[in-house]
Amino acid sequence: MRDDTASQIQTAEASPAAAQDAQIVAFPDAGERRLRLALRRLEQALEEQRVAVADFRAQIAGLNTAMTGLGESAQMLKTNLDAAAQDTARAQAEALRLQATAEAMARLA
C-alpha cells in the first residue's frame, strides 16, 4: 500500500499536465469562520434572552395578580375598619346615653 501511494505521488509530481489540471481548494477564511461562530453565539444569546424575558413577563403577571389581591384585601380591611368605627361611635353614644340615664336615676333616688 505504501509503495502505491509513493508511486502516485511521484507520478503526479512528474507529470506537468496533472499539475496544471489540479485545483487548489480554498480553506474558509478564519474571519468568516469567526463571524459564523459569533452569529451562532449571538442567536443562542438572543434565544436565552427571549426565554428570560418571557419568564420575567410571567413573574410580572404573577406580581400583578398578587398586588391586585393585596389591593382588594386592603379595601376590605378599610371597609371593615369603617364599619368598626361606626359601631364604636354608636356604642359610645349609647354608653353616654345610659350614663346620663343612670345619673338622672341617681338624682331621683
N, C-alpha and C. Protein backbone atom coordinates (compact mmCIF):
# COMPACT_ATOMS: atom_id res chain seq x y z
N MET A 1 0.82 -1.18 0.00
CA MET A 1 0.00 0.00 0.00
C MET A 1 0.87 1.25 0.00
N ARG A 2 1.94 1.22 0.77
CA ARG A 2 2.83 2.36 0.83
C ARG A 2 3.51 2.60 -0.52
N ASP A 3 3.85 1.57 -1.17
CA ASP A 3 4.51 1.72 -2.45
C ASP A 3 3.58 2.33 -3.49
N ASP A 4 2.30 1.94 -3.45
CA ASP A 4 1.33 2.51 -4.39
C ASP A 4 1.18 4.01 -4.18
N THR A 5 1.09 4.41 -2.95
CA THR A 5 0.94 5.83 -2.64
C THR A 5 2.17 6.60 -3.09
N ALA A 6 3.32 6.07 -2.80
CA ALA A 6 4.55 6.73 -3.19
C ALA A 6 4.64 6.86 -4.70
N SER A 7 4.22 5.82 -5.42
CA SER A 7 4.31 5.89 -6.88
C SER A 7 3.29 6.89 -7.43
N GLN A 8 2.13 7.02 -6.79
CA GLN A 8 1.14 8.00 -7.24
C GLN A 8 1.65 9.42 -7.02
N ILE A 9 2.29 9.63 -5.89
CA ILE A 9 2.83 10.95 -5.60
C ILE A 9 3.92 11.29 -6.62
N GLN A 10 4.78 10.34 -6.87
CA GLN A 10 5.85 10.58 -7.82
C GLN A 10 5.28 10.82 -9.22
N THR A 11 4.22 10.09 -9.58
CA THR A 11 3.62 10.25 -10.90
C THR A 11 3.02 11.65 -11.03
N ALA A 12 2.32 12.12 -9.99
CA ALA A 12 1.71 13.45 -10.04
C ALA A 12 2.77 14.54 -10.10
N GLU A 13 3.86 14.34 -9.40
CA GLU A 13 4.92 15.33 -9.41
C GLU A 13 5.65 15.32 -10.75
N ALA A 14 5.75 14.16 -11.34
CA ALA A 14 6.50 14.04 -12.57
C ALA A 14 5.70 14.55 -13.75
N SER A 15 4.39 14.49 -13.68
CA SER A 15 3.58 14.86 -14.84
C SER A 15 3.17 16.33 -14.74
N PRO A 16 3.67 17.22 -15.60
CA PRO A 16 3.30 18.64 -15.56
C PRO A 16 1.85 18.86 -15.95
N ALA A 17 1.26 18.01 -16.77
CA ALA A 17 -0.15 18.17 -17.17
C ALA A 17 -1.05 17.97 -15.97
N ALA A 18 -0.73 17.02 -15.12
CA ALA A 18 -1.54 16.77 -13.92
C ALA A 18 -1.44 17.95 -12.97
N ALA A 19 -0.29 18.57 -12.89
CA ALA A 19 -0.11 19.73 -12.01
C ALA A 19 -0.92 20.91 -12.51
N GLN A 20 -1.04 21.08 -13.80
CA GLN A 20 -1.82 22.18 -14.35
C GLN A 20 -3.32 21.97 -14.15
N ASP A 21 -3.77 20.72 -14.19
CA ASP A 21 -5.19 20.42 -14.02
C ASP A 21 -5.62 20.43 -12.56
N ALA A 22 -4.69 20.39 -11.66
CA ALA A 22 -5.03 20.35 -10.23
C ALA A 22 -5.67 21.67 -9.80
N GLN A 23 -6.67 21.54 -8.95
CA GLN A 23 -7.33 22.73 -8.43
C GLN A 23 -6.97 22.89 -6.97
N ILE A 24 -6.80 24.11 -6.59
CA ILE A 24 -6.50 24.40 -5.19
C ILE A 24 -7.81 24.67 -4.48
N VAL A 25 -8.06 23.94 -3.41
CA VAL A 25 -9.28 24.12 -2.63
C VAL A 25 -8.97 25.13 -1.53
N ALA A 26 -9.74 26.20 -1.53
CA ALA A 26 -9.50 27.25 -0.54
C ALA A 26 -10.16 26.87 0.78
N PHE A 27 -9.41 27.02 1.82
CA PHE A 27 -9.98 26.81 3.15
C PHE A 27 -10.77 28.05 3.52
N PRO A 28 -11.81 27.85 4.35
CA PRO A 28 -12.60 29.03 4.74
C PRO A 28 -11.71 30.04 5.46
N ASP A 29 -12.00 31.27 5.18
CA ASP A 29 -11.26 32.35 5.81
C ASP A 29 -11.52 32.32 7.31
N ALA A 30 -10.50 32.52 8.08
CA ALA A 30 -10.65 32.50 9.54
C ALA A 30 -11.63 33.58 9.99
N GLY A 31 -11.65 34.70 9.29
CA GLY A 31 -12.59 35.78 9.63
C GLY A 31 -14.02 35.35 9.42
N GLU A 32 -14.30 34.68 8.31
CA GLU A 32 -15.66 34.17 8.05
C GLU A 32 -16.06 33.16 9.10
N ARG A 33 -15.14 32.28 9.44
CA ARG A 33 -15.42 31.25 10.45
C ARG A 33 -15.72 31.91 11.80
N ARG A 34 -14.94 32.92 12.16
CA ARG A 34 -15.20 33.61 13.43
C ARG A 34 -16.54 34.34 13.38
N LEU A 35 -16.85 34.91 12.24
CA LEU A 35 -18.13 35.61 12.08
C LEU A 35 -19.30 34.65 12.22
N ARG A 36 -19.21 33.49 11.57
CA ARG A 36 -20.28 32.50 11.70
C ARG A 36 -20.43 32.02 13.14
N LEU A 37 -19.32 31.80 13.80
CA LEU A 37 -19.35 31.38 15.20
C LEU A 37 -19.97 32.48 16.07
N ALA A 38 -19.58 33.72 15.81
CA ALA A 38 -20.14 34.84 16.57
C ALA A 38 -21.65 34.96 16.33
N LEU A 39 -22.08 34.75 15.09
CA LEU A 39 -23.52 34.82 14.79
C LEU A 39 -24.28 33.69 15.47
N ARG A 40 -23.72 32.50 15.49
CA ARG A 40 -24.37 31.38 16.20
C ARG A 40 -24.49 31.69 17.69
N ARG A 41 -23.41 32.23 18.24
CA ARG A 41 -23.45 32.58 19.68
C ARG A 41 -24.45 33.71 19.94
N LEU A 42 -24.53 34.66 19.02
CA LEU A 42 -25.50 35.74 19.16
C LEU A 42 -26.92 35.20 19.10
N GLU A 43 -27.18 34.30 18.16
CA GLU A 43 -28.51 33.68 18.08
C GLU A 43 -28.85 32.93 19.36
N GLN A 44 -27.87 32.22 19.89
CA GLN A 44 -28.08 31.48 21.14
C GLN A 44 -28.37 32.46 22.29
N ALA A 45 -27.61 33.54 22.35
CA ALA A 45 -27.82 34.54 23.42
C ALA A 45 -29.18 35.20 23.27
N LEU A 46 -29.59 35.47 22.03
CA LEU A 46 -30.91 36.07 21.81
C LEU A 46 -32.02 35.12 22.23
N GLU A 47 -31.85 33.84 21.95
CA GLU A 47 -32.85 32.86 22.38
C GLU A 47 -32.92 32.78 23.90
N GLU A 48 -31.76 32.78 24.55
CA GLU A 48 -31.75 32.79 26.02
C GLU A 48 -32.41 34.05 26.55
N GLN A 49 -32.19 35.16 25.88
CA GLN A 49 -32.81 36.41 26.30
C GLN A 49 -34.32 36.35 26.11
N ARG A 50 -34.78 35.75 25.01
CA ARG A 50 -36.23 35.61 24.79
C ARG A 50 -36.86 34.80 25.91
N VAL A 51 -36.19 33.73 26.29
CA VAL A 51 -36.71 32.89 27.39
C VAL A 51 -36.72 33.69 28.69
N ALA A 52 -35.65 34.43 28.95
CA ALA A 52 -35.58 35.22 30.18
C ALA A 52 -36.65 36.31 30.20
N VAL A 53 -36.90 36.95 29.07
CA VAL A 53 -37.93 37.99 29.00
C VAL A 53 -39.31 37.37 29.21
N ALA A 54 -39.53 36.20 28.63
CA ALA A 54 -40.82 35.52 28.83
C ALA A 54 -41.02 35.16 30.30
N ASP A 55 -39.96 34.67 30.95
CA ASP A 55 -40.04 34.37 32.39
C ASP A 55 -40.29 35.64 33.19
N PHE A 56 -39.61 36.71 32.82
CA PHE A 56 -39.79 37.99 33.51
C PHE A 56 -41.23 38.47 33.38
N ARG A 57 -41.77 38.36 32.18
CA ARG A 57 -43.17 38.78 31.97
C ARG A 57 -44.13 37.92 32.78
N ALA A 58 -43.85 36.63 32.88
CA ALA A 58 -44.69 35.75 33.69
C ALA A 58 -44.61 36.15 35.17
N GLN A 59 -43.41 36.48 35.63
CA GLN A 59 -43.25 36.92 37.02
C GLN A 59 -43.97 38.24 37.26
N ILE A 60 -43.91 39.15 36.30
CA ILE A 60 -44.62 40.43 36.43
C ILE A 60 -46.12 40.18 36.47
N ALA A 61 -46.61 39.26 35.66
CA ALA A 61 -48.04 38.94 35.68
C ALA A 61 -48.43 38.37 37.04
N GLY A 62 -47.59 37.51 37.60
CA GLY A 62 -47.85 36.97 38.94
C GLY A 62 -47.84 38.06 39.99
N LEU A 63 -46.89 38.98 39.86
CA LEU A 63 -46.82 40.11 40.79
C LEU A 63 -48.07 40.98 40.67
N ASN A 64 -48.53 41.19 39.44
CA ASN A 64 -49.74 41.98 39.22
C ASN A 64 -50.94 41.31 39.91
N THR A 65 -51.03 40.00 39.78
CA THR A 65 -52.12 39.27 40.44
C THR A 65 -52.03 39.42 41.96
N ALA A 66 -50.83 39.29 42.49
CA ALA A 66 -50.63 39.43 43.93
C ALA A 66 -50.98 40.84 44.40
N MET A 67 -50.56 41.84 43.64
CA MET A 67 -50.85 43.22 44.01
C MET A 67 -52.35 43.52 43.93
N THR A 68 -53.02 42.94 42.94
CA THR A 68 -54.46 43.11 42.84
C THR A 68 -55.15 42.51 44.06
N GLY A 69 -54.72 41.31 44.45
CA GLY A 69 -55.25 40.67 45.65
C GLY A 69 -54.98 41.49 46.90
N LEU A 70 -53.78 42.04 46.97
CA LEU A 70 -53.43 42.88 48.12
C LEU A 70 -54.30 44.14 48.16
N GLY A 71 -54.53 44.74 47.00
CA GLY A 71 -55.40 45.92 46.93
C GLY A 71 -56.82 45.60 47.38
N GLU A 72 -57.32 44.46 46.93
CA GLU A 72 -58.66 44.05 47.34
C GLU A 72 -58.73 43.80 48.84
N SER A 73 -57.69 43.16 49.38
CA SER A 73 -57.64 42.91 50.82
C SER A 73 -57.57 44.22 51.60
N ALA A 74 -56.78 45.16 51.11
CA ALA A 74 -56.67 46.46 51.78
C ALA A 74 -58.01 47.19 51.75
N GLN A 75 -58.71 47.12 50.63
CA GLN A 75 -60.02 47.77 50.53
C GLN A 75 -61.01 47.11 51.49
N MET A 76 -60.98 45.78 51.59
CA MET A 76 -61.86 45.07 52.52
C MET A 76 -61.53 45.45 53.96
N LEU A 77 -60.25 45.56 54.28
CA LEU A 77 -59.84 45.97 55.62
C LEU A 77 -60.35 47.38 55.92
N LYS A 78 -60.21 48.28 54.96
CA LYS A 78 -60.71 49.65 55.14
C LYS A 78 -62.21 49.66 55.39
N THR A 79 -62.95 48.86 54.62
CA THR A 79 -64.40 48.78 54.80
C THR A 79 -64.73 48.25 56.20
N ASN A 80 -64.03 47.20 56.62
CA ASN A 80 -64.26 46.62 57.95
C ASN A 80 -63.90 47.61 59.06
N LEU A 81 -62.80 48.35 58.88
CA LEU A 81 -62.42 49.34 59.89
C LEU A 81 -63.43 50.48 59.95
N ASP A 82 -63.96 50.90 58.80
CA ASP A 82 -65.00 51.92 58.79
C ASP A 82 -66.24 51.44 59.54
N ALA A 83 -66.62 50.18 59.27
CA ALA A 83 -67.79 49.62 59.96
C ALA A 83 -67.52 49.52 61.47
N ALA A 84 -66.30 49.11 61.85
CA ALA A 84 -65.97 49.02 63.27
C ALA A 84 -65.97 50.41 63.92
N ALA A 85 -65.50 51.42 63.19
CA ALA A 85 -65.51 52.79 63.72
C ALA A 85 -66.96 53.26 63.93
N GLN A 86 -67.82 52.95 62.99
CA GLN A 86 -69.23 53.33 63.14
C GLN A 86 -69.87 52.60 64.32
N ASP A 87 -69.57 51.30 64.46
CA ASP A 87 -70.10 50.53 65.60
C ASP A 87 -69.58 51.11 66.92
N THR A 88 -68.30 51.48 66.95
CA THR A 88 -67.72 52.06 68.16
C THR A 88 -68.38 53.40 68.49
N ALA A 89 -68.60 54.22 67.47
CA ALA A 89 -69.26 55.51 67.69
C ALA A 89 -70.68 55.30 68.22
N ARG A 90 -71.42 54.33 67.69
CA ARG A 90 -72.78 54.03 68.18
C ARG A 90 -72.73 53.53 69.62
N ALA A 91 -71.75 52.65 69.89
CA ALA A 91 -71.63 52.12 71.25
C ALA A 91 -71.28 53.24 72.24
N GLN A 92 -70.40 54.15 71.84
CA GLN A 92 -70.04 55.26 72.71
C GLN A 92 -71.27 56.16 72.96
N ALA A 93 -72.01 56.43 71.91
CA ALA A 93 -73.21 57.26 72.07
C ALA A 93 -74.22 56.58 72.98
N GLU A 94 -74.38 55.28 72.83
CA GLU A 94 -75.30 54.52 73.69
C GLU A 94 -74.79 54.51 75.13
N ALA A 95 -73.47 54.35 75.30
CA ALA A 95 -72.90 54.36 76.66
C ALA A 95 -73.12 55.72 77.32
N LEU A 96 -72.93 56.79 76.58
CA LEU A 96 -73.15 58.13 77.12
C LEU A 96 -74.63 58.33 77.47
N ARG A 97 -75.53 57.83 76.64
CA ARG A 97 -76.96 57.93 76.91
C ARG A 97 -77.31 57.14 78.18
N LEU A 98 -76.75 55.93 78.31
CA LEU A 98 -77.02 55.13 79.50
C LEU A 98 -76.43 55.80 80.75
N GLN A 99 -75.25 56.39 80.61
CA GLN A 99 -74.64 57.09 81.73
C GLN A 99 -75.53 58.27 82.16
N ALA A 100 -76.05 58.99 81.20
CA ALA A 100 -76.93 60.12 81.53
C ALA A 100 -78.20 59.62 82.21
N THR A 101 -78.73 58.48 81.75
CA THR A 101 -79.93 57.90 82.38
C THR A 101 -79.62 57.48 83.80
N ALA A 102 -78.45 56.85 84.00
CA ALA A 102 -78.06 56.40 85.34
C ALA A 102 -77.89 57.59 86.28
N GLU A 103 -77.29 58.66 85.80
CA GLU A 103 -77.12 59.85 86.64
C GLU A 103 -78.47 60.48 86.97
N ALA A 104 -79.38 60.47 86.02
CA ALA A 104 -80.73 61.02 86.27
C ALA A 104 -81.45 60.16 87.29
N MET A 105 -81.32 58.87 87.23
CA MET A 105 -81.97 57.97 88.18
C MET A 105 -81.35 58.13 89.57
N ALA A 106 -80.03 58.37 89.60
CA ALA A 106 -79.36 58.55 90.89
C ALA A 106 -79.84 59.83 91.56
N ARG A 107 -80.13 60.85 90.80
CA ARG A 107 -80.63 62.09 91.37
C ARG A 107 -82.06 61.92 91.90
N LEU A 108 -82.83 61.08 91.30
CA LEU A 108 -84.21 60.85 91.75
C LEU A 108 -84.26 60.03 93.04
N ALA A 109 -83.30 59.26 93.25
CA ALA A 109 -83.34 58.39 94.39
C ALA A 109 -82.93 59.03 95.66
